[in-house]
Amino acid sequence: MVGTMFKKNDKPKEENGASGYAVGQKDPATQILENKFAHHPLHLLSAGQVCLGVLSILCQLVVSYSNDVHLNLYTVNEGIFCGVVFFTAGSVGLFASHRINQQNVTAFLVSNILSSIFS
């Protein structure tokens, strides 16, 4: 059976927990999210976003510390601010990829929208 959470030899438990679902099962909305993100490289994309945030911060620090009088580079450290936003969004994504539920996915999407605005 393709798409089921049980193996051939597993049988669903008949005991009901306090939430009304079987003890071994999760909330149906959580199961749907886990099935959608099961083969999605969410953790790889989030780790890449964390790396890009660190790279943005490092590049801004290099520009700030190597500022020569003849270059006339005037910055307000915008690379650091954008890097912190990217790093935070990637961290939320890493957390959401390991603990998938509706609130974590919503927080990840909102943080990605904010990081795209900051970019």
Protein backbone atom coordinates (compact mmCIF):
# COMPACT_ATOMS: atom_id res chain seq x y z
CA MET A 1 0.00 0.00 0.00
CA VAL A 2 1.59 3.20 -1.13
CA GLY A 3 1.11 6.33 0.96
CA THR A 4 0.18 4.70 4.26
CA MET A 5 2.07 5.24 7.48
CA PHE A 6 1.91 1.54 8.48
CA LYS A 7 4.03 -1.35 7.29
CA LYS A 8 2.42 -4.60 6.19
CA ASN A 9 2.90 -6.29 9.56
CA ASP A 10 1.93 -3.27 11.68
CA LYS A 11 -1.62 -3.00 12.90
CA PRO A 12 -3.14 0.20 14.24
CA LYS A 13 -3.55 0.36 17.98
CA GLU A 14 -7.08 0.27 19.25
CA GLU A 15 -6.41 2.14 22.49
CA ASN A 16 -7.47 5.75 22.47
CA GLY A 17 -5.46 8.46 24.13
CA ALA A 18 -6.75 11.59 25.78
CA SER A 19 -6.88 13.46 22.47
CA GLY A 20 -9.21 10.94 20.82
CA TYR A 21 -6.57 9.65 18.39
CA ALA A 22 -4.95 6.27 18.69
CA VAL A 23 -1.93 6.28 21.00
CA GLY A 24 0.60 5.50 18.25
CA GLN A 25 -0.78 8.05 15.77
CA LYS A 26 -0.28 11.77 15.41
CA ASP A 27 -2.64 14.59 14.58
CA PRO A 28 -3.90 14.25 10.95
CA ALA A 29 -2.68 17.76 10.05
CA THR A 30 0.80 16.91 11.35
CA GLN A 31 0.80 13.68 9.33
CA ILE A 32 -0.13 15.57 6.17
CA LEU A 33 2.72 18.04 6.74
CA GLU A 34 5.19 15.24 7.46
CA ASN A 35 4.14 13.47 4.26
CA LYS A 36 4.56 16.67 2.22
CA PHE A 37 8.01 17.42 3.64
CA ALA A 38 9.20 13.80 3.87
CA HIS A 39 11.22 13.90 0.65
CA HIS A 40 11.68 17.65 0.47
CA PRO A 41 15.22 18.94 1.07
CA LEU A 42 13.99 21.55 3.55
CA HIS A 43 16.90 21.01 5.92
CA LEU A 44 19.43 21.42 3.09
CA LEU A 45 17.83 24.65 1.90
CA SER A 46 17.70 25.99 5.46
CA ALA A 47 21.34 25.10 6.06
CA GLY A 48 22.21 26.92 2.84
CA GLN A 49 20.30 29.95 4.08
CA VAL A 50 22.25 29.87 7.36
CA CYS A 51 25.51 29.69 5.38
CA LEU A 52 24.47 32.62 3.19
CA GLY A 53 23.63 34.65 6.30
CA VAL A 54 27.07 33.97 7.77
CA LEU A 55 28.68 34.78 4.40
CA SER A 56 26.80 38.07 4.23
CA ILE A 57 27.99 39.03 7.71
CA LEU A 58 31.59 38.08 6.91
CA CYS A 59 31.58 40.02 3.64
CA GLN A 60 30.28 43.12 5.40
CA LEU A 61 32.97 42.80 8.07
CA VAL A 62 35.66 42.52 5.38
CA VAL A 63 34.32 45.61 3.62
CA SER A 64 34.10 47.53 6.89
CA TYR A 65 37.59 46.66 8.10
CA SER A 66 39.33 47.05 4.74
CA ASN A 67 37.76 50.42 4.04
CA ASP A 68 40.41 52.62 2.53
CA VAL A 69 40.23 56.38 2.28
CA HIS A 70 40.50 56.19 -1.51
CA LEU A 71 37.62 53.72 -1.91
CA ASN A 72 35.00 56.05 -0.42
CA LEU A 73 32.80 53.19 0.77
CA TYR A 74 30.11 54.49 3.07
CA THR A 75 27.99 51.72 4.55
CA VAL A 76 25.77 51.42 7.56
CA ASN A 77 26.62 47.71 7.91
CA GLU A 78 23.60 46.62 5.92
CA GLY A 79 25.28 43.27 5.23
CA ILE A 80 25.25 42.49 8.94
CA PHE A 81 21.55 43.31 9.28
CA CYS A 82 20.60 41.22 6.23
CA GLY A 83 22.89 38.41 7.37
CA VAL A 84 21.22 38.26 10.77
CA VAL A 85 17.80 38.05 9.12
CA PHE A 86 18.96 35.28 6.75
CA PHE A 87 20.62 33.40 9.59
CA THR A 88 17.48 33.62 11.72
CA ALA A 89 15.24 32.45 8.88
CA GLY A 90 17.55 29.52 8.19
CA SER A 91 17.62 28.58 11.87
CA VAL A 92 13.83 28.62 12.01
CA GLY A 93 13.84 26.43 8.89
CA LEU A 94 16.22 23.92 10.48
CA PHE A 95 14.03 23.78 13.55
CA ALA A 96 10.90 23.37 11.41
CA SER A 97 12.48 20.58 9.37
CA HIS A 98 13.15 18.53 12.50
CA ARG A 99 9.85 19.24 14.27
CA ILE A 100 7.19 19.53 11.62
CA ASN A 101 3.88 21.02 12.71
CA GLN A 102 1.62 23.79 11.48
CA GLN A 103 3.07 26.53 13.70
CA ASN A 104 6.70 25.81 12.79
CA VAL A 105 5.96 25.73 9.07
CA THR A 106 4.02 29.01 9.34
CA ALA A 107 6.89 30.63 11.27
CA PHE A 108 9.34 29.41 8.64
CA LEU A 109 7.25 30.84 5.79
CA VAL A 110 6.85 34.20 7.55
CA SER A 111 10.58 34.41 8.29
CA ASN A 112 11.36 33.62 4.64
CA ILE A 113 9.03 36.37 3.49
CA LEU A 114 10.78 38.82 5.82
CA SER A 115 14.21 37.70 4.63
CA SER A 116 13.17 38.19 1.01
CA ILE A 117 12.03 41.71 1.87
CA PHE A 118 15.37 42.41 3.57
CA SER A 119 17.30 41.11 0.59
